[in-house]
Amino acid sequence: MKNTVLIVEDSKAFALSVEAALRQEGSYQVLVALNYSEAVQLVELHQEEIFVAITDLNLPDESDGAAAKLMAEKSIPCIAFTGNFSPNLREMVLSLGVSDYVLKNGQQDISYVVQVINRMSANRSMEVLVVDDAPSSRDFMSALLEKQCFSVTSVGSAEKALDLLDQGYQYKIILVDLIMNGMDGFELLGALRSRFDMSQMAIIGVSGKASSDQIAQFMKHGGNDFLLKPFQQEQVCSRVNANAQLLDQFSELSSLNQQKNELLGMAAHDIRGPLGVVSSAASMLKREISGEHPEMLLGLVIEAAESMEELLDRLLDVSSIEDANISIDIDRENLCSLLDKAVADAQLLANDKQQKLNLELPVEAVWVEADSMRIKEVAYNLISNAIKYSPVGGKIDVRLSSNHKKVRIEVIDEAGGIPKAEQHLLFKPFCNISTKPTAGERSAGLGLSICQRIMKLHKGEIKYRSNAQVGSIFEAVLPCAND
């Protein structure tokens, strides 16, 4: 998609200020012409890359909006800068076919230009449908909206509009003439609202004859806005852009809500691990209460309970939930010690399935810069997954190795492997594969997704490879700590 903005402005200081504001947005390439001749050259070289131009009306080598006329000839949407304003000047500027005009007064106007360009950029992915049985009105409205970079379709009846929707076309904004032959605007509004709510589609009524009561009824029955003819270009563009902005905000809020739900699911999954340790240790404690190991088992129960308490503290951190962030607290940690604790926690689960859990550690300590709790979560999750999917009486190997640049935790199981066609799903949240736990254990489909996010925060990653038809090898890779 085009992302280049052309600035045509003879004041170098002002042009550089606009350029800096646009570059700060991070998504635009910017070209600057200080006169009309430079503008012509840049358009010839970069026309296919430019999606909008900002032009001064009067330049040293041309005046009377020559640069704006050039953009109109090349079908490049244009925003005009002007140093003053009057009704006559407004008419002249709009006659040039510009998308908008801005007074050149100061920083607030530069901020407005950036907002307009951001909106025009977003509009390129928004489909608009104009429904009006008067061809002249339909064409006028379509031309205005195309200048705002909307993708516009127009039809002459409500029936044709519904037919397009039945064919699968997805329109985010529909402008509806209230009084049409056949199905009128009220009937079309009802048909549309039976399919799409106000967060999915904005419906704007248009009429030159509607009474105030009719406008009120249109709004009460699901209309988002109403334009009463005759209207000015600025009125139409501002109102339609405002509705587009609201739709984007609805979409963003929906996405944030989904991320919040995902984070809640992740937190619940995190809590399930230590809760399993508590349950297993308590069951064994009940059997061993008169034996030799009650103190060790009680220690595991207390440690797991403390882990759950910390996880619940994170769950109740409202800002983390709303931002869908996993926070990490980095410190220098001995990975051998963390892995030993993770294996000790998982040992109870392995015992319940009569599985052999082997741990191979280097002789010397392996140091990493990491959040100890989060990395232990990753290790425990990989090990508990291996236990969950391996057969009763099976074997799981856990190995730690280092080459002074990277450290590797390998978890090798006898779970039979994962079908190649499903391996790309492993690290996606809520995706369950056809391979099932061997003792009826539950799986939320979140663990590996959580682990991958944690590893990325540590500048690491998790890899999967098949273990020669016997099982799976999951490998967590981290950078070594700087000496």
Protein backbone atom coordinates (compact mmCIF):
# COMPACT_ATOMS: atom_id res chain seq x y z
CA MET A 1 0.00 0.00 0.00
CA LYS A 2 1.24 3.50 -0.84
CA ASN A 3 2.62 5.34 2.18
CA THR A 4 4.43 8.38 0.76
CA VAL A 5 3.32 11.93 1.55
CA LEU A 6 4.43 14.79 -0.72
CA ILE A 7 4.84 18.22 0.91
CA VAL A 8 4.92 21.20 -1.47
CA GLU A 9 5.77 24.28 0.62
CA ASP A 10 8.15 27.19 -0.04
CA SER A 11 8.84 27.83 3.66
CA LYS A 12 11.58 25.33 4.43
CA ALA A 13 11.11 25.68 8.20
CA PHE A 14 7.37 24.99 7.98
CA ALA A 15 7.90 22.10 5.54
CA LEU A 16 10.45 20.52 7.88
CA SER A 17 8.05 20.89 10.82
CA VAL A 18 5.33 19.06 8.90
CA GLU A 19 7.83 16.42 7.77
CA ALA A 20 9.01 15.84 11.35
CA ALA A 21 5.42 15.46 12.59
CA LEU A 22 4.65 12.90 9.88
CA ARG A 23 7.84 10.91 10.40
CA GLN A 24 7.05 10.75 14.11
CA GLU A 25 3.99 8.70 13.20
CA GLY A 26 6.43 6.04 12.01
CA SER A 27 4.47 4.80 8.99
CA TYR A 28 5.06 7.43 6.30
CA GLN A 29 7.77 8.19 3.79
CA VAL A 30 7.99 11.94 3.13
CA LEU A 31 9.06 13.90 0.05
CA VAL A 32 9.53 17.68 0.18
CA ALA A 33 9.35 20.14 -2.74
CA LEU A 34 10.14 23.81 -2.06
CA ASN A 35 8.65 25.06 -5.34
CA TYR A 36 6.36 24.02 -8.19
CA SER A 37 9.16 22.77 -10.45
CA GLU A 38 10.45 20.42 -7.76
CA ALA A 39 6.90 19.20 -7.18
CA VAL A 40 6.52 18.33 -10.88
CA GLN A 41 9.79 16.39 -10.82
CA LEU A 42 8.90 14.46 -7.66
CA VAL A 43 5.45 13.56 -9.00
CA GLU A 44 6.99 12.27 -12.23
CA LEU A 45 9.45 10.11 -10.28
CA HIS A 46 7.20 8.91 -7.44
CA GLN A 47 3.58 9.15 -8.59
CA GLU A 48 2.95 5.44 -7.94
CA GLU A 49 4.17 5.80 -4.34
CA ILE A 50 2.36 9.02 -3.30
CA PHE A 51 -1.02 8.55 -1.65
CA VAL A 52 -1.59 12.17 -0.56
CA ALA A 53 -0.01 15.60 -1.10
CA ILE A 54 0.03 18.72 1.07
CA THR A 55 0.45 21.83 -1.06
CA ASP A 56 0.78 25.56 -0.52
CA LEU A 57 -1.54 27.59 -2.75
CA ASN A 58 1.13 30.09 -3.76
CA LEU A 59 4.70 29.12 -4.63
CA PRO A 60 7.67 31.21 -5.86
CA ASP A 61 7.34 29.93 -9.44
CA GLU A 62 3.55 29.37 -9.61
CA SER A 63 0.45 30.71 -7.84
CA ASP A 64 -3.34 30.31 -7.65
CA GLY A 65 -3.19 26.69 -6.53
CA ALA A 66 -1.07 25.36 -9.40
CA ALA A 67 0.33 22.53 -7.26
CA ALA A 68 -3.18 21.50 -6.17
CA LYS A 69 -4.27 21.46 -9.83
CA LEU A 70 -1.29 19.24 -10.64
CA MET A 71 -2.34 16.76 -7.97
CA ALA A 72 -5.91 16.73 -9.30
CA GLU A 73 -4.61 15.98 -12.81
CA LYS A 74 -2.56 13.07 -11.42
CA SER A 75 -5.46 11.79 -9.23
CA ILE A 76 -3.46 12.35 -6.04
CA PRO A 77 -5.62 13.41 -3.06
CA CYS A 78 -4.53 16.85 -1.90
CA ILE A 79 -4.71 18.97 1.26
CA ALA A 80 -4.20 22.69 0.64
CA PHE A 81 -2.32 25.06 2.95
CA THR A 82 -3.52 28.64 3.06
CA GLY A 83 -2.25 31.57 5.12
CA ASN A 84 -5.65 33.26 5.40
CA PHE A 85 -9.32 32.49 5.00
CA SER A 86 -12.38 34.09 3.41
CA PRO A 87 -15.58 32.73 1.83
CA ASN A 88 -14.28 33.56 -1.65
CA LEU A 89 -10.94 31.87 -0.96
CA ARG A 90 -12.78 28.81 0.35
CA GLU A 91 -14.80 28.54 -2.86
CA MET A 92 -11.63 28.86 -4.93
CA VAL A 93 -9.79 26.20 -2.90
CA LEU A 94 -12.66 23.71 -3.09
CA SER A 95 -12.97 24.31 -6.83
CA LEU A 96 -9.44 22.89 -7.15
CA GLY A 97 -10.76 19.49 -6.07
CA VAL A 98 -8.83 19.28 -2.79
CA SER A 99 -9.72 16.82 -0.05
CA ASP A 100 -9.36 19.45 2.67
CA TYR A 101 -7.75 22.81 3.42
CA VAL A 102 -5.82 23.96 6.49
CA LEU A 103 -4.92 27.40 7.77
CA LYS A 104 -1.16 27.74 8.16
CA ASN A 105 -1.03 29.28 11.63
CA GLY A 106 1.06 27.06 13.87
CA GLN A 107 1.67 23.73 15.56
CA GLN A 108 -2.01 23.02 16.15
CA ASP A 109 -2.61 23.15 12.40
CA ILE A 110 0.28 20.76 11.76
CA SER A 111 -1.28 18.37 14.27
CA TYR A 112 -4.59 18.67 12.43
CA VAL A 113 -2.91 17.84 9.11
CA VAL A 114 -1.37 14.71 10.62
CA GLN A 115 -4.79 13.65 11.97
CA VAL A 116 -6.36 14.16 8.54
CA ILE A 117 -3.64 12.12 6.83
CA ASN A 118 -3.93 9.33 9.40
CA ARG A 119 -7.67 9.22 8.80
CA MET A 120 -7.24 9.20 5.01
CA SER A 121 -4.71 6.39 5.31
CA ALA A 122 -7.13 4.32 7.42
CA ASN A 123 -9.99 5.08 5.02
CA ARG A 124 -8.24 3.16 2.25
CA SER A 125 -9.26 -0.11 3.89
CA MET A 126 -12.85 1.00 4.56
CA GLU A 127 -15.62 0.18 2.05
CA VAL A 128 -18.45 2.72 1.67
CA LEU A 129 -21.76 2.21 -0.14
CA VAL A 130 -23.86 5.16 -1.39
CA VAL A 131 -27.54 4.33 -1.97
CA ASP A 132 -29.47 7.06 -3.81
CA ASP A 133 -31.89 6.90 -6.74
CA ALA A 134 -30.78 10.34 -8.01
CA PRO A 135 -27.65 9.87 -10.20
CA SER A 136 -26.39 13.43 -9.67
CA SER A 137 -26.59 13.16 -5.87
CA ARG A 138 -25.04 9.71 -5.97
CA ASP A 139 -22.11 10.86 -8.10
CA PHE A 140 -21.56 14.01 -6.02
CA MET A 141 -21.42 12.06 -2.76
CA SER A 142 -19.16 9.37 -4.23
CA ALA A 143 -16.70 11.97 -5.54
CA LEU A 144 -16.48 13.66 -2.13
CA LEU A 145 -15.80 10.39 -0.33
CA GLU A 146 -13.23 9.21 -2.86
CA LYS A 147 -11.26 12.38 -2.13
CA GLN A 148 -11.12 11.14 1.47
CA CYS A 149 -9.56 7.88 0.18
CA PHE A 150 -12.61 5.72 0.90
CA SER A 151 -13.29 2.82 -1.44
CA VAL A 152 -16.74 3.82 -2.71
CA THR A 153 -19.50 1.86 -4.45
CA SER A 154 -22.79 3.48 -5.46
CA VAL A 155 -26.17 1.99 -6.38
CA GLY A 156 -29.54 3.46 -7.33
CA SER A 157 -31.85 1.42 -5.10
CA ALA A 158 -32.13 -0.27 -1.72
CA GLU A 159 -32.78 -3.59 -3.44
CA LYS A 160 -29.43 -3.41 -5.25
CA ALA A 161 -27.69 -2.53 -1.99
CA LEU A 162 -29.09 -5.64 -0.29
CA ASP A 163 -28.15 -7.73 -3.31
CA LEU A 164 -24.51 -6.63 -2.98
CA LEU A 165 -24.53 -7.58 0.70
CA ASP A 166 -26.05 -10.96 -0.18
CA GLN A 167 -23.13 -11.48 -2.58
CA GLY A 168 -20.71 -11.08 0.32
CA TYR A 169 -19.55 -7.49 -0.11
CA GLN A 170 -18.62 -5.99 3.25
CA TYR A 171 -19.42 -2.31 3.68
CA LYS A 172 -18.55 -0.49 6.90
CA ILE A 173 -20.43 2.74 6.09
CA ILE A 174 -23.67 3.06 4.10
CA LEU A 175 -25.18 6.42 3.14
CA VAL A 176 -28.90 6.00 2.51
CA ASP A 177 -31.25 8.41 0.75
CA LEU A 178 -34.40 8.53 2.85
CA ILE A 179 -36.90 8.89 0.00
CA MET A 180 -36.42 6.46 -2.90
CA ASN A 181 -38.61 4.58 -5.36
CA GLY A 182 -39.35 1.03 -4.23
CA MET A 183 -37.86 0.24 -0.81
CA ASP A 184 -37.23 3.54 0.98
CA GLY A 185 -34.49 4.51 3.41
CA PHE A 186 -36.46 3.49 6.51
CA GLU A 187 -37.07 -0.02 5.15
CA LEU A 188 -33.42 -0.38 4.14
CA LEU A 189 -32.34 0.77 7.60
CA GLY A 190 -34.48 -1.95 9.19
CA ALA A 191 -33.11 -4.62 6.85
CA LEU A 192 -29.52 -3.57 7.55
CA ARG A 193 -29.94 -3.38 11.32
CA SER A 194 -31.37 -6.91 11.33
CA ARG A 195 -27.94 -8.04 10.09
CA PHE A 196 -25.42 -5.56 11.51
CA ASP A 197 -25.31 -3.68 14.79
CA MET A 198 -23.95 -0.15 15.18
CA SER A 199 -20.47 -1.37 16.06
CA GLN A 200 -20.25 -3.27 12.76
CA MET A 201 -21.76 -0.79 10.31
CA ALA A 202 -22.47 2.95 10.33
CA ILE A 203 -25.68 3.93 8.51
CA ILE A 204 -26.03 7.62 7.64
CA GLY A 205 -29.32 9.00 6.37
CA VAL A 206 -29.38 11.61 3.60
CA SER A 207 -32.32 13.75 2.46
CA GLY A 208 -33.31 17.20 1.29
CA LYS A 209 -36.96 16.83 2.28
CA ALA A 210 -36.95 15.00 5.61
CA SER A 211 -38.78 16.60 8.51
CA SER A 212 -37.28 16.83 11.98
CA ASP A 213 -39.64 14.02 13.08
CA GLN A 214 -38.42 11.76 10.26
CA ILE A 215 -34.79 12.46 11.14
CA ALA A 216 -35.51 11.64 14.79
CA GLN A 217 -37.22 8.37 13.83
CA PHE A 218 -34.32 7.42 11.57
CA MET A 219 -31.87 7.90 14.43
CA LYS A 220 -34.09 6.06 16.94
CA HIS A 221 -34.35 3.04 14.63
CA GLY A 222 -30.60 2.54 14.32
CA GLY A 223 -29.20 5.36 12.22
CA ASN A 224 -25.75 6.59 13.21
CA ASP A 225 -26.05 10.06 11.69
CA PHE A 226 -28.09 12.19 9.30
CA LEU A 227 -27.10 14.69 6.59
CA LEU A 228 -29.72 17.21 5.51
CA LYS A 229 -29.33 18.65 1.99
CA PRO A 230 -28.03 21.08 0.90
CA PHE A 231 -24.77 20.39 2.67
CA GLN A 232 -21.20 21.59 2.34
CA GLN A 233 -18.21 19.42 1.48
CA GLU A 234 -16.62 19.93 4.90
CA GLN A 235 -19.83 18.83 6.63
CA VAL A 236 -20.09 15.57 4.69
CA CYS A 237 -16.42 14.69 5.03
CA SER A 238 -16.24 15.53 8.73
CA ARG A 239 -19.35 13.53 9.62
CA VAL A 240 -18.42 10.47 7.56
CA ASN A 241 -14.85 10.53 8.87
CA ALA A 242 -16.15 10.80 12.45
CA ASN A 243 -18.27 7.69 11.92
CA ALA A 244 -15.29 5.88 10.41
CA GLN A 245 -13.25 6.82 13.47
CA LEU A 246 -15.94 5.41 15.78
CA LEU A 247 -16.00 2.14 13.85
CA ASP A 248 -12.22 1.87 14.19
CA GLN A 249 -12.52 2.49 17.93
CA PHE A 250 -15.22 -0.19 18.23
CA SER A 251 -12.90 -2.61 16.45
CA GLU A 252 -9.96 -1.68 18.66
CA LEU A 253 -12.03 -2.10 21.83
CA SER A 254 -13.23 -5.49 20.63
CA SER A 255 -9.64 -6.53 20.00
CA LEU A 256 -8.57 -5.31 23.45
CA ASN A 257 -11.44 -7.21 25.04
CA GLN A 258 -10.35 -10.37 23.23
CA GLN A 259 -6.79 -9.84 24.45
CA LYS A 260 -8.11 -9.34 27.99
CA ASN A 261 -10.01 -12.63 27.78
CA GLU A 262 -6.91 -14.32 26.40
CA LEU A 263 -4.84 -13.00 29.30
CA LEU A 264 -7.42 -14.23 31.80
CA GLY A 265 -7.24 -17.64 30.16
CA MET A 266 -3.46 -17.57 30.32
CA ALA A 267 -3.54 -16.63 34.01
CA ALA A 268 -5.97 -19.46 34.73
CA HIS A 269 -3.66 -21.82 32.86
CA ASP A 270 -0.66 -20.58 34.85
CA ILE A 271 -2.52 -21.24 38.11
CA ARG A 272 -3.43 -24.77 37.03
CA GLY A 273 0.24 -25.87 37.21
CA PRO A 274 0.96 -25.11 40.88
CA LEU A 275 -2.58 -26.19 41.76
CA GLY A 276 -1.77 -29.61 40.31
CA VAL A 277 1.31 -29.76 42.52
CA VAL A 278 -0.78 -28.86 45.60
CA SER A 279 -3.33 -31.54 44.74
CA SER A 280 -0.73 -34.24 44.08
CA ALA A 281 1.36 -33.36 47.13
CA ALA A 282 -1.71 -33.29 49.36
CA SER A 283 -2.82 -36.71 48.07
CA MET A 284 0.62 -38.17 48.73
CA LEU A 285 0.78 -36.46 52.12
CA LYS A 286 -2.44 -38.20 53.05
CA ARG A 287 -0.82 -41.54 52.24
CA GLU A 288 2.55 -40.63 53.79
CA ILE A 289 1.37 -38.84 56.90
CA SER A 290 2.74 -41.63 59.09
CA GLY A 291 5.76 -42.20 56.83
CA GLU A 292 9.14 -40.54 56.47
CA HIS A 293 8.42 -37.67 54.03
CA PRO A 294 5.62 -35.41 55.38
CA GLU A 295 7.95 -32.42 55.85
CA MET A 296 9.15 -32.51 52.23
CA LEU A 297 5.59 -32.85 50.91
CA LEU A 298 4.36 -29.99 53.09
CA GLY A 299 7.17 -27.85 51.70
CA LEU A 300 5.97 -28.54 48.16
CA VAL A 301 2.39 -27.63 49.12
CA ILE A 302 3.53 -24.33 50.66
CA GLU A 303 5.77 -23.44 47.70
CA ALA A 304 3.02 -24.19 45.18
CA ALA A 305 0.51 -22.16 47.20
CA GLU A 306 2.92 -19.21 47.22
CA SER A 307 3.28 -19.51 43.43
CA MET A 308 -0.50 -19.38 43.04
CA GLU A 309 -0.68 -16.32 45.27
CA GLU A 310 1.86 -14.50 43.10
CA LEU A 311 0.00 -15.49 39.93
CA LEU A 312 -3.26 -14.20 41.40
CA ASP A 313 -1.55 -10.89 42.22
CA ARG A 314 -0.60 -10.58 38.55
CA LEU A 315 -4.11 -11.55 37.47
CA LEU A 316 -5.58 -8.77 39.62
CA ASP A 317 -3.26 -6.16 38.10
CA VAL A 318 -5.91 -4.32 36.08
CA SER A 319 -3.44 -2.46 33.88
CA SER A 320 -1.77 -5.72 32.84
CA ILE A 321 -5.14 -7.22 31.97
CA GLU A 322 -6.22 -4.24 29.86
CA ASP A 323 -2.88 -3.98 28.05
CA ALA A 324 -2.63 -7.77 27.58
CA ASN A 325 0.98 -7.59 28.72
CA ILE A 326 3.10 -10.20 30.43
CA SER A 327 5.53 -8.34 32.67
CA ILE A 328 8.96 -9.74 33.54
CA ASP A 329 11.36 -8.97 36.38
CA ILE A 330 14.87 -9.62 35.06
CA ASP A 331 17.72 -10.74 37.31
CA ARG A 332 20.83 -12.91 37.00
CA GLU A 333 19.66 -16.49 37.58
CA ASN A 334 21.23 -19.95 37.71
CA LEU A 335 19.23 -21.93 35.16
CA CYS A 336 20.36 -25.23 36.67
CA SER A 337 18.62 -24.32 39.92
CA LEU A 338 15.42 -23.17 38.18
CA LEU A 339 15.25 -26.33 36.08
CA ASP A 340 15.86 -28.52 39.12
CA LYS A 341 12.90 -26.88 40.89
CA ALA A 342 10.65 -27.26 37.84
CA VAL A 343 11.49 -30.97 37.61
CA ALA A 344 10.88 -31.41 41.35
CA ASP A 345 7.42 -29.84 40.98
CA ALA A 346 6.60 -32.04 37.99
CA GLN A 347 7.90 -35.22 39.64
CA LEU A 348 4.63 -35.70 41.51
CA LEU A 349 2.69 -35.66 38.22
CA ALA A 350 5.12 -38.19 36.72
CA ASN A 351 4.79 -40.44 39.76
CA ASP A 352 1.02 -40.56 39.33
CA LYS A 353 1.56 -42.06 35.84
CA GLN A 354 4.50 -44.26 36.85
CA GLN A 355 6.74 -42.32 34.47
CA LYS A 356 10.50 -41.94 34.75
CA LEU A 357 11.61 -38.29 34.77
CA ASN A 358 15.34 -37.83 34.08
CA LEU A 359 17.23 -34.55 34.51
CA GLU A 360 20.67 -33.96 32.95
CA LEU A 361 22.48 -30.80 34.09
CA PRO A 362 25.97 -29.45 33.32
CA VAL A 363 28.56 -29.71 36.09
CA GLU A 364 28.97 -25.92 36.23
CA ALA A 365 26.23 -23.34 36.79
CA VAL A 366 24.53 -21.89 33.70
CA TRP A 367 23.69 -18.20 34.15
CA VAL A 368 20.98 -16.28 32.31
CA GLU A 369 19.37 -12.84 32.59
CA ALA A 370 15.78 -13.84 33.27
CA ASP A 371 12.61 -13.63 35.32
CA SER A 372 13.05 -16.72 37.50
CA MET A 373 9.32 -17.35 37.94
CA ARG A 374 8.54 -16.97 34.24
CA ILE A 375 11.37 -19.23 33.05
CA LYS A 376 10.40 -21.81 35.65
CA GLU A 377 6.83 -21.56 34.24
CA VAL A 378 8.16 -22.33 30.76
CA ALA A 379 10.20 -25.31 31.94
CA TYR A 380 7.37 -26.68 34.08
CA ASN A 381 4.90 -26.27 31.23
CA LEU A 382 7.09 -28.16 28.76
CA ILE A 383 7.75 -30.93 31.27
CA SER A 384 4.11 -31.24 32.39
CA ASN A 385 3.02 -31.39 28.73
CA ALA A 386 5.47 -34.24 28.16
CA ILE A 387 4.03 -36.06 31.18
CA LYS A 388 0.48 -35.36 30.06
CA TYR A 389 0.92 -36.72 26.53
CA SER A 390 3.35 -39.60 27.26
CA PRO A 391 2.00 -43.06 28.06
CA VAL A 392 1.76 -44.49 31.55
CA GLY A 393 5.15 -45.96 32.43
CA GLY A 394 6.92 -43.83 29.81
CA LYS A 395 10.13 -41.84 30.07
CA ILE A 396 10.78 -38.08 29.84
CA ASP A 397 14.30 -36.66 29.53
CA VAL A 398 15.08 -33.06 30.50
CA ARG A 399 18.47 -31.74 29.40
CA LEU A 400 20.27 -28.43 29.84
CA SER A 401 23.24 -27.47 27.67
CA SER A 402 25.23 -24.30 26.92
CA ASN A 403 27.72 -23.12 24.29
CA HIS A 404 28.58 -19.77 25.98
CA LYS A 405 26.25 -17.88 23.60
CA LYS A 406 23.00 -19.79 23.92
CA VAL A 407 21.53 -22.11 26.52
CA ARG A 408 19.11 -24.88 25.59
CA ILE A 409 16.50 -26.68 27.63
CA GLU A 410 15.38 -29.85 25.85
CA VAL A 411 12.34 -31.86 26.91
CA ILE A 412 12.17 -35.22 25.15
CA ASP A 413 9.09 -37.40 25.49
CA GLU A 414 7.58 -40.64 24.19
CA ALA A 415 4.23 -39.12 23.24
CA GLY A 416 4.26 -40.40 19.66
CA GLY A 417 4.94 -37.05 17.99
CA ILE A 418 2.66 -34.40 16.49
CA PRO A 419 1.24 -34.68 12.95
CA LYS A 420 3.21 -32.48 10.56
CA ALA A 421 0.04 -30.80 9.31
CA GLU A 422 -0.72 -29.60 12.86
CA GLN A 423 2.73 -28.47 13.96
CA HIS A 424 2.11 -24.87 12.83
CA LEU A 425 -0.73 -24.68 15.40
CA LEU A 426 1.45 -25.49 18.40
CA PHE A 427 2.14 -21.93 19.52
CA LYS A 428 -1.27 -20.41 18.72
CA PRO A 429 -3.60 -19.69 21.67
CA PHE A 430 -6.69 -21.87 22.13
CA CYS A 431 -5.61 -24.28 19.37
CA ASN A 432 -5.92 -27.93 20.35
CA ILE A 433 -4.36 -30.65 18.22
CA SER A 434 -5.54 -34.19 17.51
CA THR A 435 -2.97 -35.72 19.89
CA LYS A 436 -4.70 -36.17 23.25
CA PRO A 437 -3.48 -36.60 26.86
CA THR A 438 -3.05 -40.26 27.78
CA ALA A 439 -4.88 -40.24 31.13
CA GLY A 440 -7.81 -37.93 30.44
CA GLU A 441 -6.01 -34.77 31.56
CA ARG A 442 -7.48 -31.41 30.54
CA SER A 443 -5.81 -29.07 28.05
CA ALA A 444 -6.81 -25.42 27.49
CA GLY A 445 -4.62 -25.03 24.41
CA LEU A 446 -2.85 -22.04 25.93
CA GLY A 447 0.37 -23.30 27.51
CA LEU A 448 2.73 -23.19 24.54
CA SER A 449 1.35 -19.81 23.46
CA ILE A 450 2.16 -18.42 26.91
CA CYS A 451 5.61 -20.00 26.86
CA GLN A 452 6.45 -18.55 23.45
CA ARG A 453 5.43 -15.05 24.56
CA ILE A 454 7.55 -15.37 27.70
CA MET A 455 10.55 -16.57 25.70
CA LYS A 456 10.25 -13.70 23.22
CA LEU A 457 10.31 -11.25 26.12
CA HIS A 458 13.62 -12.89 27.10
CA LYS A 459 14.92 -12.63 23.50
CA GLY A 460 14.60 -16.38 23.19
CA GLU A 461 12.33 -18.88 21.45
CA ILE A 462 10.80 -22.35 21.64
CA LYS A 463 11.31 -24.87 18.85
CA TYR A 464 9.69 -28.20 18.11
CA ARG A 465 11.04 -31.20 16.26
CA SER A 466 9.89 -34.77 15.93
CA ASN A 467 11.83 -37.47 17.76
CA ALA A 468 12.03 -40.19 15.06
CA GLN A 469 8.38 -41.32 15.35
CA VAL A 470 8.90 -42.01 19.06
CA GLY A 471 7.84 -38.68 20.49
CA SER A 472 8.58 -34.97 20.52
CA ILE A 473 11.47 -32.70 21.42
CA PHE A 474 10.66 -29.20 22.65
CA GLU A 475 13.66 -26.90 22.88
CA ALA A 476 13.66 -23.59 24.78
CA VAL A 477 16.59 -21.38 23.77
CA LEU A 478 17.86 -18.37 25.75
CA PRO A 479 20.90 -16.10 25.43
CA CYS A 480 23.60 -16.64 28.04
CA ALA A 481 24.12 -13.95 30.65
CA ASN A 482 26.93 -11.51 29.99
CA ASP A 483 29.95 -12.26 32.15
